Amino acid sequence: MFWLSQTGTERALDAIEQILRTTNDPEILEKGVFALSQHRSPRAAQLLRAYAERDGAPGDVREKAIFWIGQRASAENAAYLRGLFGRLRDEELKKKVLFSLSQMRGQGNERWILNVALDAGQPEEVRKQALFWASQAGVALPEIVSLYDRIRDADLREHLIFVLSQRMREPAAMDKIIEIARRDPDRRMREKALFWLGQSRDPRAAAILREVIEQ
């Protein structure tokens, strides 16, 4: 399989395609998907996409196919993965699509990922992942901050505090976490904000912690 991945011929692709159709060995399947990712022909790309969509195939191997598609950053692949997301039902596969799209900068994916986070029709864990990857993909911090007051789901709000904690070196994120720690009516959110403030070396964080202790 390794050498088939190094041989950019149609015969090699024929062999890889047949192996992917006939074997049930997860290790061989994974290597087959990797082999397809090393071929640069349109047919190899199509075979990789076909495997990513194959119902009944091992989920972790399909995740690998999605990952390798995402490693070829292009408008075409970004559009394909966004379309694939809407056809998937498996949460883990959806999460892998979100990750792969977050790695493709300059394709408009960050806005699309943010919309997934705001879609109440998506599973909660998928929305959490979308919140995280939207922030990592380059959505402007003020927009991420503004989501806190727009989201009503408590678990998502708690996850958003974590997302903001990953950017506490930026003043807007620190300001929002401090605001939550001081004023949020939900004790659980205040506690979570205080926890992340306790992980920071920012002097303001220490001051807020003292303020809360002295109350």
N, C-alpha and C. Protein backbone atom coordinates (compact mmCIF):
# COMPACT_ATOMS: atom_id res chain seq x y z
N MET A 1 0.83 -1.20 0.00
CA MET A 1 0.00 0.00 0.00
C MET A 1 0.87 1.26 0.00
N PHE A 2 1.99 1.20 0.74
CA PHE A 2 2.89 2.35 0.76
C PHE A 2 3.38 2.66 -0.64
N TRP A 3 3.81 1.66 -1.35
CA TRP A 3 4.36 1.91 -2.68
C TRP A 3 3.28 2.31 -3.68
N LEU A 4 2.07 1.80 -3.48
CA LEU A 4 0.97 2.26 -4.34
C LEU A 4 0.74 3.76 -4.14
N SER A 5 0.96 4.23 -2.91
CA SER A 5 0.77 5.66 -2.64
C SER A 5 1.84 6.51 -3.32
N GLN A 6 2.98 5.89 -3.63
CA GLN A 6 4.08 6.62 -4.25
C GLN A 6 4.07 6.51 -5.77
N THR A 7 3.15 5.74 -6.31
CA THR A 7 3.09 5.49 -7.75
C THR A 7 1.88 6.20 -8.33
N GLY A 8 2.09 7.29 -8.98
CA GLY A 8 0.97 8.10 -9.47
C GLY A 8 0.42 7.64 -10.80
N THR A 9 -0.03 6.39 -10.83
CA THR A 9 -0.55 5.84 -12.08
C THR A 9 -2.00 5.43 -11.90
N GLU A 10 -2.70 5.26 -13.04
CA GLU A 10 -4.08 4.79 -12.99
C GLU A 10 -4.17 3.37 -12.47
N ARG A 11 -3.18 2.54 -12.82
CA ARG A 11 -3.18 1.16 -12.34
C ARG A 11 -3.08 1.13 -10.81
N ALA A 12 -2.29 2.02 -10.24
CA ALA A 12 -2.19 2.09 -8.78
C ALA A 12 -3.52 2.48 -8.18
N LEU A 13 -4.19 3.44 -8.80
CA LEU A 13 -5.51 3.85 -8.29
C LEU A 13 -6.52 2.72 -8.41
N ASP A 14 -6.45 1.96 -9.50
CA ASP A 14 -7.34 0.79 -9.66
C ASP A 14 -7.15 -0.17 -8.49
N ALA A 15 -5.89 -0.42 -8.16
CA ALA A 15 -5.58 -1.37 -7.09
C ALA A 15 -6.07 -0.84 -5.74
N ILE A 16 -5.83 0.46 -5.46
CA ILE A 16 -6.27 1.04 -4.18
C ILE A 16 -7.80 1.00 -4.08
N GLU A 17 -8.47 1.33 -5.17
CA GLU A 17 -9.93 1.32 -5.16
C GLU A 17 -10.47 -0.07 -4.86
N GLN A 18 -9.87 -1.09 -5.48
CA GLN A 18 -10.33 -2.45 -5.26
C GLN A 18 -10.11 -2.89 -3.81
N ILE A 19 -8.96 -2.52 -3.27
CA ILE A 19 -8.66 -2.88 -1.88
C ILE A 19 -9.67 -2.23 -0.94
N LEU A 20 -9.97 -0.95 -1.18
CA LEU A 20 -10.93 -0.26 -0.32
C LEU A 20 -12.32 -0.87 -0.40
N ARG A 21 -12.63 -1.49 -1.53
CA ARG A 21 -13.95 -2.09 -1.70
C ARG A 21 -14.05 -3.48 -1.10
N THR A 22 -12.93 -4.15 -0.95
CA THR A 22 -12.98 -5.58 -0.61
C THR A 22 -12.45 -5.92 0.77
N THR A 23 -11.67 -5.07 1.40
CA THR A 23 -11.11 -5.43 2.71
C THR A 23 -11.92 -4.84 3.85
N ASN A 24 -11.89 -5.54 4.97
CA ASN A 24 -12.52 -5.03 6.18
C ASN A 24 -11.49 -4.70 7.26
N ASP A 25 -10.23 -4.82 6.93
CA ASP A 25 -9.16 -4.56 7.89
C ASP A 25 -9.00 -3.05 8.09
N PRO A 26 -9.29 -2.52 9.30
CA PRO A 26 -9.23 -1.07 9.51
C PRO A 26 -7.87 -0.46 9.20
N GLU A 27 -6.79 -1.17 9.54
CA GLU A 27 -5.45 -0.63 9.30
C GLU A 27 -5.17 -0.50 7.81
N ILE A 28 -5.58 -1.51 7.04
CA ILE A 28 -5.37 -1.45 5.59
C ILE A 28 -6.25 -0.37 4.99
N LEU A 29 -7.48 -0.26 5.48
CA LEU A 29 -8.37 0.79 4.97
C LEU A 29 -7.78 2.17 5.21
N GLU A 30 -7.24 2.37 6.41
CA GLU A 30 -6.64 3.67 6.73
C GLU A 30 -5.46 3.98 5.82
N LYS A 31 -4.64 2.95 5.57
CA LYS A 31 -3.50 3.15 4.68
C LYS A 31 -3.96 3.39 3.24
N GLY A 32 -5.08 2.76 2.87
CA GLY A 32 -5.62 2.99 1.54
C GLY A 32 -6.09 4.41 1.34
N VAL A 33 -6.75 4.95 2.36
CA VAL A 33 -7.20 6.34 2.31
C VAL A 33 -6.00 7.28 2.23
N PHE A 34 -4.96 6.97 3.02
CA PHE A 34 -3.74 7.78 2.97
C PHE A 34 -3.13 7.71 1.57
N ALA A 35 -3.11 6.51 0.99
CA ALA A 35 -2.53 6.36 -0.35
C ALA A 35 -3.26 7.23 -1.37
N LEU A 36 -4.59 7.28 -1.27
CA LEU A 36 -5.35 8.15 -2.18
C LEU A 36 -4.97 9.61 -1.99
N SER A 37 -4.72 10.00 -0.73
CA SER A 37 -4.41 11.40 -0.46
C SER A 37 -3.08 11.82 -1.07
N GLN A 38 -2.22 10.85 -1.38
CA GLN A 38 -0.91 11.17 -1.94
C GLN A 38 -0.93 11.32 -3.45
N HIS A 39 -2.01 10.85 -4.08
CA HIS A 39 -2.16 11.00 -5.54
C HIS A 39 -2.80 12.36 -5.82
N ARG A 40 -2.34 13.04 -6.83
CA ARG A 40 -2.80 14.39 -7.12
C ARG A 40 -3.78 14.46 -8.28
N SER A 41 -4.28 13.32 -8.73
CA SER A 41 -5.17 13.33 -9.88
C SER A 41 -6.61 13.60 -9.45
N PRO A 42 -7.44 14.13 -10.35
CA PRO A 42 -8.86 14.33 -10.04
C PRO A 42 -9.56 13.04 -9.64
N ARG A 43 -9.17 11.92 -10.25
CA ARG A 43 -9.81 10.65 -9.91
C ARG A 43 -9.51 10.26 -8.47
N ALA A 44 -8.28 10.44 -8.03
CA ALA A 44 -7.93 10.12 -6.64
C ALA A 44 -8.75 10.98 -5.68
N ALA A 45 -8.91 12.26 -6.01
CA ALA A 45 -9.71 13.15 -5.16
C ALA A 45 -11.15 12.67 -5.10
N GLN A 46 -11.68 12.20 -6.23
CA GLN A 46 -13.06 11.71 -6.26
C GLN A 46 -13.22 10.44 -5.44
N LEU A 47 -12.23 9.53 -5.54
CA LEU A 47 -12.28 8.30 -4.76
C LEU A 47 -12.21 8.60 -3.26
N LEU A 48 -11.42 9.59 -2.89
CA LEU A 48 -11.31 9.98 -1.49
C LEU A 48 -12.64 10.53 -0.99
N ARG A 49 -13.27 11.34 -1.80
CA ARG A 49 -14.58 11.87 -1.43
C ARG A 49 -15.62 10.77 -1.31
N ALA A 50 -15.57 9.82 -2.24
CA ALA A 50 -16.53 8.72 -2.22
C ALA A 50 -16.40 7.92 -0.94
N TYR A 51 -15.15 7.73 -0.48
CA TYR A 51 -14.98 6.97 0.76
C TYR A 51 -15.49 7.78 1.96
N ALA A 52 -15.26 9.07 1.95
CA ALA A 52 -15.75 9.91 3.05
C ALA A 52 -17.26 9.82 3.20
N GLU A 53 -17.96 9.52 2.11
CA GLU A 53 -19.42 9.45 2.11
C GLU A 53 -19.96 8.04 2.26
N ARG A 54 -19.08 7.05 2.34
CA ARG A 54 -19.52 5.66 2.28
C ARG A 54 -20.19 5.22 3.58
N ASP A 55 -21.50 5.06 3.53
CA ASP A 55 -22.24 4.55 4.68
C ASP A 55 -21.79 3.12 4.97
N GLY A 56 -21.63 2.81 6.23
CA GLY A 56 -21.23 1.47 6.61
C GLY A 56 -19.73 1.29 6.74
N ALA A 57 -18.95 2.22 6.20
CA ALA A 57 -17.49 2.15 6.36
C ALA A 57 -17.14 2.56 7.79
N PRO A 58 -16.01 2.08 8.31
CA PRO A 58 -15.61 2.47 9.68
C PRO A 58 -15.54 3.98 9.84
N GLY A 59 -16.15 4.47 10.91
CA GLY A 59 -16.22 5.91 11.10
C GLY A 59 -14.86 6.57 11.21
N ASP A 60 -13.90 5.91 11.89
CA ASP A 60 -12.60 6.55 12.06
C ASP A 60 -11.83 6.63 10.75
N VAL A 61 -12.10 5.68 9.83
CA VAL A 61 -11.45 5.74 8.52
C VAL A 61 -12.09 6.83 7.66
N ARG A 62 -13.40 6.97 7.78
CA ARG A 62 -14.07 8.07 7.07
C ARG A 62 -13.56 9.42 7.59
N GLU A 63 -13.31 9.51 8.90
CA GLU A 63 -12.74 10.73 9.47
C GLU A 63 -11.38 11.03 8.84
N LYS A 64 -10.59 9.99 8.63
CA LYS A 64 -9.28 10.18 8.01
C LYS A 64 -9.44 10.70 6.58
N ALA A 65 -10.42 10.18 5.86
CA ALA A 65 -10.67 10.66 4.49
C ALA A 65 -11.03 12.15 4.51
N ILE A 66 -11.89 12.54 5.45
CA ILE A 66 -12.26 13.95 5.57
C ILE A 66 -11.05 14.80 5.92
N PHE A 67 -10.21 14.28 6.83
CA PHE A 67 -9.00 15.00 7.21
C PHE A 67 -8.11 15.25 6.00
N TRP A 68 -7.88 14.22 5.18
CA TRP A 68 -6.97 14.38 4.04
C TRP A 68 -7.56 15.30 2.97
N ILE A 69 -8.88 15.28 2.83
CA ILE A 69 -9.51 16.24 1.91
C ILE A 69 -9.22 17.66 2.39
N GLY A 70 -9.32 17.85 3.71
CA GLY A 70 -9.08 19.17 4.27
C GLY A 70 -7.65 19.64 4.17
N GLN A 71 -6.72 18.71 3.97
CA GLN A 71 -5.32 19.11 3.85
C GLN A 71 -4.99 19.73 2.50
N ARG A 72 -5.91 19.59 1.55
CA ARG A 72 -5.73 20.24 0.25
C ARG A 72 -6.62 21.47 0.21
N ALA A 73 -6.10 22.57 0.65
CA ALA A 73 -6.90 23.79 0.76
C ALA A 73 -7.23 24.34 -0.62
N SER A 74 -8.51 24.39 -0.91
CA SER A 74 -8.99 24.97 -2.17
C SER A 74 -10.44 25.35 -2.00
N ALA A 75 -10.90 26.27 -2.83
CA ALA A 75 -12.31 26.66 -2.77
C ALA A 75 -13.21 25.47 -3.08
N GLU A 76 -12.76 24.60 -3.99
CA GLU A 76 -13.56 23.44 -4.36
C GLU A 76 -13.70 22.47 -3.19
N ASN A 77 -12.59 22.19 -2.50
CA ASN A 77 -12.65 21.27 -1.37
C ASN A 77 -13.43 21.87 -0.21
N ALA A 78 -13.30 23.17 0.01
CA ALA A 78 -14.07 23.82 1.07
C ALA A 78 -15.56 23.71 0.79
N ALA A 79 -15.95 23.97 -0.46
CA ALA A 79 -17.37 23.87 -0.83
C ALA A 79 -17.86 22.43 -0.68
N TYR A 80 -17.02 21.48 -1.06
CA TYR A 80 -17.41 20.07 -0.92
C TYR A 80 -17.65 19.72 0.54
N LEU A 81 -16.73 20.09 1.43
CA LEU A 81 -16.87 19.73 2.84
C LEU A 81 -18.08 20.41 3.47
N ARG A 82 -18.35 21.64 3.08
CA ARG A 82 -19.56 22.30 3.61
C ARG A 82 -20.81 21.56 3.16
N GLY A 83 -20.82 21.10 1.91
CA GLY A 83 -21.96 20.33 1.43
C GLY A 83 -22.06 18.97 2.10
N LEU A 84 -20.92 18.33 2.31
CA LEU A 84 -20.90 17.03 2.98
C LEU A 84 -21.46 17.14 4.40
N PHE A 85 -21.12 18.21 5.10
CA PHE A 85 -21.60 18.40 6.48
C PHE A 85 -23.12 18.26 6.54
N GLY A 86 -23.81 18.85 5.59
CA GLY A 86 -25.27 18.82 5.60
C GLY A 86 -25.85 17.45 5.33
N ARG A 87 -25.04 16.55 4.76
CA ARG A 87 -25.52 15.20 4.46
C ARG A 87 -25.17 14.18 5.54
N LEU A 88 -24.35 14.59 6.49
CA LEU A 88 -23.90 13.67 7.53
C LEU A 88 -24.86 13.66 8.71
N ARG A 89 -24.95 12.50 9.35
CA ARG A 89 -25.74 12.37 10.58
C ARG A 89 -24.86 12.03 11.78
N ASP A 90 -23.70 11.48 11.52
CA ASP A 90 -22.78 11.10 12.59
C ASP A 90 -22.10 12.33 13.17
N GLU A 91 -22.17 12.52 14.48
CA GLU A 91 -21.61 13.71 15.12
C GLU A 91 -20.10 13.79 14.98
N GLU A 92 -19.42 12.65 15.13
CA GLU A 92 -17.96 12.66 15.05
C GLU A 92 -17.49 13.06 13.65
N LEU A 93 -18.20 12.60 12.64
CA LEU A 93 -17.85 12.99 11.27
C LEU A 93 -18.08 14.49 11.07
N LYS A 94 -19.18 15.00 11.62
CA LYS A 94 -19.45 16.43 11.52
C LYS A 94 -18.34 17.25 12.18
N LYS A 95 -17.89 16.76 13.35
CA LYS A 95 -16.81 17.47 14.05
C LYS A 95 -15.54 17.49 13.22
N LYS A 96 -15.27 16.37 12.54
CA LYS A 96 -14.06 16.32 11.71
C LYS A 96 -14.16 17.28 10.54
N VAL A 97 -15.36 17.43 9.98
CA VAL A 97 -15.55 18.42 8.90
C VAL A 97 -15.28 19.82 9.42
N LEU A 98 -15.79 20.14 10.61
CA LEU A 98 -15.56 21.46 11.19
C LEU A 98 -14.07 21.72 11.37
N PHE A 99 -13.36 20.73 11.91
CA PHE A 99 -11.92 20.88 12.09
C PHE A 99 -11.23 21.12 10.76
N SER A 100 -11.56 20.30 9.76
CA SER A 100 -10.89 20.42 8.46
C SER A 100 -11.14 21.78 7.83
N LEU A 101 -12.36 22.27 7.94
CA LEU A 101 -12.67 23.59 7.38
C LEU A 101 -11.95 24.70 8.13
N SER A 102 -11.79 24.51 9.44
CA SER A 102 -11.10 25.54 10.23
C SER A 102 -9.64 25.68 9.83
N GLN A 103 -9.08 24.63 9.23
CA GLN A 103 -7.69 24.68 8.82
C GLN A 103 -7.49 25.36 7.47
N MET A 104 -8.60 25.57 6.74
CA MET A 104 -8.53 26.20 5.41
C MET A 104 -8.81 27.68 5.55
N ARG A 105 -7.80 28.49 5.65
CA ARG A 105 -7.99 29.93 5.80
C ARG A 105 -8.25 30.57 4.43
N GLY A 106 -8.99 31.66 4.46
CA GLY A 106 -9.22 32.42 3.24
C GLY A 106 -10.28 31.86 2.32
N GLN A 107 -11.07 30.91 2.80
CA GLN A 107 -12.12 30.32 1.96
C GLN A 107 -13.53 30.69 2.45
N GLY A 108 -13.61 31.61 3.40
CA GLY A 108 -14.91 32.00 3.94
C GLY A 108 -15.48 30.99 4.92
N ASN A 109 -14.65 30.04 5.38
CA ASN A 109 -15.15 28.98 6.24
C ASN A 109 -15.47 29.46 7.64
N GLU A 110 -14.74 30.47 8.14
CA GLU A 110 -14.96 30.90 9.51
C GLU A 110 -16.39 31.39 9.73
N ARG A 111 -16.95 32.10 8.74
CA ARG A 111 -18.33 32.57 8.85
C ARG A 111 -19.31 31.41 8.82
N TRP A 112 -19.04 30.45 7.96
CA TRP A 112 -19.90 29.26 7.86
C TRP A 112 -19.87 28.48 9.17
N ILE A 113 -18.70 28.29 9.74
CA ILE A 113 -18.57 27.56 11.01
C ILE A 113 -19.33 28.28 12.12
N LEU A 114 -19.24 29.60 12.14
CA LEU A 114 -19.96 30.38 13.14
C LEU A 114 -21.47 30.17 13.01
N ASN A 115 -21.96 30.08 11.78
CA ASN A 115 -23.39 29.83 11.57
C ASN A 115 -23.80 28.46 12.09
N VAL A 116 -22.90 27.47 11.98
CA VAL A 116 -23.19 26.15 12.56
C VAL A 116 -23.35 26.27 14.07
N ALA A 117 -22.48 27.05 14.68
CA ALA A 117 -22.55 27.23 16.13
C ALA A 117 -23.88 27.84 16.57
N LEU A 118 -24.46 28.67 15.72
CA LEU A 118 -25.72 29.35 16.05
C LEU A 118 -26.95 28.56 15.63
N ASP A 119 -26.75 27.43 14.98
CA ASP A 119 -27.86 26.62 14.45
C ASP A 119 -28.41 25.71 15.54
N ALA A 120 -29.58 26.04 16.06
CA ALA A 120 -30.19 25.25 17.13
C ALA A 120 -30.57 23.85 16.67
N GLY A 121 -30.60 23.62 15.36
CA GLY A 121 -30.93 22.30 14.85
C GLY A 121 -29.78 21.32 14.90
N GLN A 122 -28.59 21.79 15.21
CA GLN A 122 -27.42 20.92 15.28
C GLN A 122 -27.27 20.36 16.70
N PRO A 123 -26.67 19.16 16.81
CA PRO A 123 -26.42 18.60 18.15
C PRO A 123 -25.55 19.54 18.98
N GLU A 124 -25.76 19.53 20.28
CA GLU A 124 -25.05 20.46 21.15
C GLU A 124 -23.53 20.31 21.06
N GLU A 125 -23.05 19.07 21.03
CA GLU A 125 -21.59 18.87 20.97
C GLU A 125 -21.01 19.40 19.67
N VAL A 126 -21.76 19.30 18.60
CA VAL A 126 -21.31 19.84 17.31
C VAL A 126 -21.26 21.36 17.39
N ARG A 127 -22.25 21.96 18.02
CA ARG A 127 -22.27 23.42 18.16
C ARG A 127 -21.09 23.90 19.03
N LYS A 128 -20.77 23.13 20.07
CA LYS A 128 -19.63 23.49 20.91
C LYS A 128 -18.34 23.48 20.10
N GLN A 129 -18.17 22.44 19.30
CA GLN A 129 -16.97 22.36 18.47
C GLN A 129 -16.93 23.52 17.48
N ALA A 130 -18.09 23.87 16.94
CA ALA A 130 -18.15 24.97 15.98
C ALA A 130 -17.76 26.29 16.65
N LEU A 131 -18.20 26.50 17.89
CA LEU A 131 -17.80 27.71 18.62
C LEU A 131 -16.29 27.79 18.75
N PHE A 132 -15.69 26.67 19.15
CA PHE A 132 -14.24 26.66 19.34
C PHE A 132 -13.51 26.91 18.04
N TRP A 133 -13.89 26.20 16.97
CA TRP A 133 -13.15 26.31 15.72
C TRP A 133 -13.42 27.64 15.02
N ALA A 134 -14.59 28.22 15.24
CA ALA A 134 -14.85 29.55 14.67
C ALA A 134 -13.87 30.55 15.26
N SER A 135 -13.65 30.46 16.56
CA SER A 135 -12.70 31.36 17.21
C SER A 135 -11.29 31.11 16.72
N GLN A 136 -10.92 29.82 16.59
CA GLN A 136 -9.57 29.49 16.14
C GLN A 136 -9.34 29.81 14.68
N ALA A 137 -10.43 29.82 13.90
CA ALA A 137 -10.31 30.03 12.45
C ALA A 137 -10.20 31.50 12.08
N GLY A 138 -10.39 32.40 13.05
CA GLY A 138 -10.16 33.80 12.74
C GLY A 138 -11.37 34.71 12.82
N VAL A 139 -12.51 34.22 13.34
CA VAL A 139 -13.63 35.13 13.54
C VAL A 139 -13.21 36.20 14.53
N ALA A 140 -13.53 37.46 14.23
CA ALA A 140 -13.09 38.59 15.05
C ALA A 140 -13.57 38.42 16.49
N LEU A 141 -12.68 38.69 17.42
CA LEU A 141 -13.00 38.49 18.84
C LEU A 141 -14.24 39.24 19.29
N PRO A 142 -14.47 40.50 18.89
CA PRO A 142 -15.70 41.16 19.34
C PRO A 142 -16.96 40.40 18.95
N GLU A 143 -16.93 39.73 17.82
CA GLU A 143 -18.10 38.95 17.41
C GLU A 143 -18.26 37.71 18.28
N ILE A 144 -17.14 37.07 18.63
CA ILE A 144 -17.21 35.93 19.54
C ILE A 144 -17.75 36.36 20.90
N VAL A 145 -17.25 37.50 21.39
CA VAL A 145 -17.71 38.03 22.67
C VAL A 145 -19.21 38.29 22.65
N SER A 146 -19.70 38.86 21.57
CA SER A 146 -21.12 39.22 21.49
C SER A 146 -22.03 38.00 21.52
N LEU A 147 -21.50 36.82 21.18
CA LEU A 147 -22.33 35.61 21.17
C LEU A 147 -22.83 35.27 22.56
N TYR A 148 -22.07 35.63 23.58
CA TYR A 148 -22.45 35.23 24.94
C TYR A 148 -23.84 35.73 25.30
N ASP A 149 -24.15 36.94 24.90
CA ASP A 149 -25.45 37.51 25.24
C ASP A 149 -26.55 37.08 24.28
N ARG A 150 -26.17 36.40 23.20
CA ARG A 150 -27.16 35.94 22.22
C ARG A 150 -27.56 34.49 22.45
N ILE A 151 -26.67 33.70 23.05
CA ILE A 151 -26.92 32.28 23.26
C ILE A 151 -27.64 32.07 24.58
N ARG A 152 -28.70 31.29 24.55
CA ARG A 152 -29.49 31.05 25.75
C ARG A 152 -29.15 29.72 26.41
N ASP A 153 -28.65 28.77 25.66
CA ASP A 153 -28.33 27.45 26.18
C ASP A 153 -27.18 27.54 27.19
N ALA A 154 -27.40 27.06 28.42
CA ALA A 154 -26.42 27.22 29.49
C ALA A 154 -25.12 26.47 29.19
N ASP A 155 -25.22 25.25 28.65
CA ASP A 155 -24.01 24.48 28.35
C ASP A 155 -23.17 25.16 27.27
N LEU A 156 -23.84 25.74 26.30
CA LEU A 156 -23.11 26.45 25.25
C LEU A 156 -22.45 27.72 25.79
N ARG A 157 -23.15 28.40 26.69
CA ARG A 157 -22.57 29.60 27.29
C ARG A 157 -21.33 29.24 28.11
N GLU A 158 -21.42 28.13 28.84
CA GLU A 158 -20.27 27.69 29.62
C GLU A 158 -19.10 27.36 28.70
N HIS A 159 -19.40 26.71 27.58
CA HIS A 159 -18.34 26.37 26.63
C HIS A 159 -17.75 27.64 26.01
N LEU A 160 -18.59 28.63 25.79
CA LEU A 160 -18.10 29.88 25.22
C LEU A 160 -17.14 30.58 26.18
N ILE A 161 -17.36 30.44 27.48
CA ILE A 161 -16.41 30.99 28.44
C ILE A 161 -15.05 30.32 28.26
N PHE A 162 -15.06 29.00 28.06
CA PHE A 162 -13.80 28.30 27.78
C PHE A 162 -13.16 28.83 26.50
N VAL A 163 -13.96 29.02 25.45
CA VAL A 163 -13.43 29.54 24.19
C VAL A 163 -12.77 30.90 24.41
N LEU A 164 -13.43 31.76 25.17
CA LEU A 164 -12.86 33.07 25.47
C LEU A 164 -11.59 32.94 26.30
N SER A 165 -11.54 31.94 27.18
CA SER A 165 -10.35 31.76 28.02
C SER A 165 -9.11 31.44 27.20
N GLN A 166 -9.33 30.88 26.00
CA GLN A 166 -8.19 30.56 25.15
C GLN A 166 -7.61 31.80 24.46
N ARG A 167 -8.31 32.92 24.63
CA ARG A 167 -7.84 34.16 24.02
C ARG A 167 -7.72 35.29 25.05
N MET A 168 -7.48 34.91 26.31
CA MET A 168 -7.46 35.91 27.39
C MET A 168 -6.31 36.91 27.28
N ARG A 169 -5.36 36.64 26.44
CA ARG A 169 -4.29 37.63 26.24
C ARG A 169 -4.80 38.83 25.46
N GLU A 170 -5.97 38.67 24.85
CA GLU A 170 -6.57 39.79 24.13
C GLU A 170 -7.53 40.51 25.09
N PRO A 171 -7.43 41.82 25.21
CA PRO A 171 -8.21 42.56 26.21
C PRO A 171 -9.71 42.31 26.16
N ALA A 172 -10.28 42.19 24.96
CA ALA A 172 -11.74 42.03 24.86
C ALA A 172 -12.20 40.74 25.52
N ALA A 173 -11.40 39.67 25.39
CA ALA A 173 -11.77 38.39 26.01
C ALA A 173 -11.66 38.49 27.52
N MET A 174 -10.58 39.07 28.01
CA MET A 174 -10.42 39.25 29.45
C MET A 174 -11.53 40.11 30.02
N ASP A 175 -11.87 41.19 29.33
CA ASP A 175 -12.94 42.08 29.80
C ASP A 175 -14.26 41.31 29.95
N LYS A 176 -14.57 40.46 28.98
CA LYS A 176 -15.84 39.73 29.02
C LYS A 176 -15.84 38.71 30.14
N ILE A 177 -14.75 38.01 30.35
CA ILE A 177 -14.70 37.02 31.43
C ILE A 177 -14.81 37.71 32.79
N ILE A 178 -14.18 38.86 32.93
CA ILE A 178 -14.31 39.63 34.17
C ILE A 178 -15.76 40.06 34.39
N GLU A 179 -16.39 40.52 33.33
CA GLU A 179 -17.80 40.94 33.43
C GLU A 179 -18.67 39.77 33.87
N ILE A 180 -18.44 38.60 33.30
CA ILE A 180 -19.23 37.42 33.68
C ILE A 180 -18.98 37.08 35.14
N ALA A 181 -17.72 37.10 35.56
CA ALA A 181 -17.39 36.76 36.95
C ALA A 181 -18.04 37.72 37.94
N ARG A 182 -18.19 38.96 37.55
CA ARG A 182 -18.75 39.96 38.46
C ARG A 182 -20.29 40.00 38.44
N ARG A 183 -20.87 39.87 37.25
CA ARG A 183 -22.28 40.27 37.13
C ARG A 183 -23.23 39.21 36.59
N ASP A 184 -22.73 38.09 36.08
CA ASP A 184 -23.66 37.13 35.47
C ASP A 184 -24.63 36.61 36.53
N PRO A 185 -25.93 36.62 36.24
CA PRO A 185 -26.91 36.15 37.23
C PRO A 185 -26.82 34.65 37.50
N ASP A 186 -26.18 33.90 36.60
CA ASP A 186 -26.05 32.45 36.75
C ASP A 186 -24.78 32.13 37.55
N ARG A 187 -24.95 31.59 38.75
CA ARG A 187 -23.80 31.29 39.61
C ARG A 187 -22.80 30.36 38.91
N ARG A 188 -23.35 29.39 38.16
CA ARG A 188 -22.47 28.43 37.46
C ARG A 188 -21.55 29.15 36.49
N MET A 189 -22.06 30.16 35.78
CA MET A 189 -21.23 30.90 34.83
C MET A 189 -20.19 31.75 35.56
N ARG A 190 -20.60 32.34 36.68
CA ARG A 190 -19.64 33.13 37.47
C ARG A 190 -18.49 32.23 37.95
N GLU A 191 -18.85 31.04 38.43
CA GLU A 191 -17.82 30.11 38.92
C GLU A 191 -16.87 29.70 37.80
N LYS A 192 -17.43 29.44 36.62
CA LYS A 192 -16.58 29.04 35.49
C LYS A 192 -15.64 30.18 35.09
N ALA A 193 -16.17 31.40 35.06
CA ALA A 193 -15.34 32.55 34.71
C ALA A 193 -14.23 32.74 35.75
N LEU A 194 -14.57 32.57 37.03
CA LEU A 194 -13.56 32.70 38.08
C LEU A 194 -12.48 31.62 37.95
N PHE A 195 -12.91 30.44 37.57
CA PHE A 195 -11.92 29.36 37.39
C PHE A 195 -10.88 29.76 36.35
N TRP A 196 -11.35 30.28 35.21
CA TRP A 196 -10.40 30.64 34.15
C TRP A 196 -9.58 31.88 34.53
N LEU A 197 -10.17 32.78 35.27
CA LEU A 197 -9.38 33.91 35.77
C LEU A 197 -8.25 33.42 36.67
N GLY A 198 -8.54 32.35 37.41
CA GLY A 198 -7.52 31.79 38.28
C GLY A 198 -6.36 31.16 37.54
N GLN A 199 -6.55 30.88 36.25
CA GLN A 199 -5.48 30.31 35.43
C GLN A 199 -4.63 31.40 34.76
N SER A 200 -5.08 32.64 34.90
CA SER A 200 -4.40 33.74 34.22
C SER A 200 -3.38 34.42 35.14
N ARG A 201 -2.33 34.94 34.54
CA ARG A 201 -1.34 35.72 35.28
C ARG A 201 -1.56 37.22 35.13
N ASP A 202 -2.66 37.58 34.49
CA ASP A 202 -2.97 39.00 34.32
C ASP A 202 -3.27 39.62 35.69
N PRO A 203 -2.67 40.76 36.01
CA PRO A 203 -2.92 41.40 37.31
C PRO A 203 -4.39 41.68 37.56
N ARG A 204 -5.13 41.97 36.50
CA ARG A 204 -6.55 42.23 36.67
C ARG A 204 -7.28 41.00 37.19
N ALA A 205 -6.86 39.81 36.74
CA ALA A 205 -7.49 38.57 37.19
C ALA A 205 -7.30 38.40 38.70
N ALA A 206 -6.09 38.65 39.17
CA ALA A 206 -5.82 38.54 40.61
C ALA A 206 -6.67 39.52 41.41
N ALA A 207 -6.84 40.71 40.86
CA ALA A 207 -7.62 41.73 41.55
C ALA A 207 -9.08 41.30 41.66
N ILE A 208 -9.62 40.71 40.60
CA ILE A 208 -11.02 40.26 40.62
C ILE A 208 -11.20 39.14 41.62
N LEU A 209 -10.25 38.21 41.67
CA LEU A 209 -10.34 37.11 42.63
C LEU A 209 -10.33 37.63 44.06
N ARG A 210 -9.47 38.60 44.35
CA ARG A 210 -9.46 39.20 45.69
C ARG A 210 -10.80 39.88 46.00
N GLU A 211 -11.31 40.56 44.99
CA GLU A 211 -12.59 41.26 45.15
C GLU A 211 -13.69 40.29 45.54
N VAL A 212 -13.74 39.14 44.87
CA VAL A 212 -14.78 38.15 45.14
C VAL A 212 -14.59 37.55 46.54
N ILE A 213 -13.35 37.25 46.89
CA ILE A 213 -13.06 36.66 48.22
C ILE A 213 -13.48 37.59 49.34
N GLU A 214 -13.30 38.88 49.14
CA GLU A 214 -13.58 39.86 50.18
C GLU A 214 -15.06 40.23 50.30
N GLN A 215 -15.85 39.81 49.34
CA GLN A 215 -17.26 40.17 49.37
C GLN A 215 -17.98 39.44 50.51
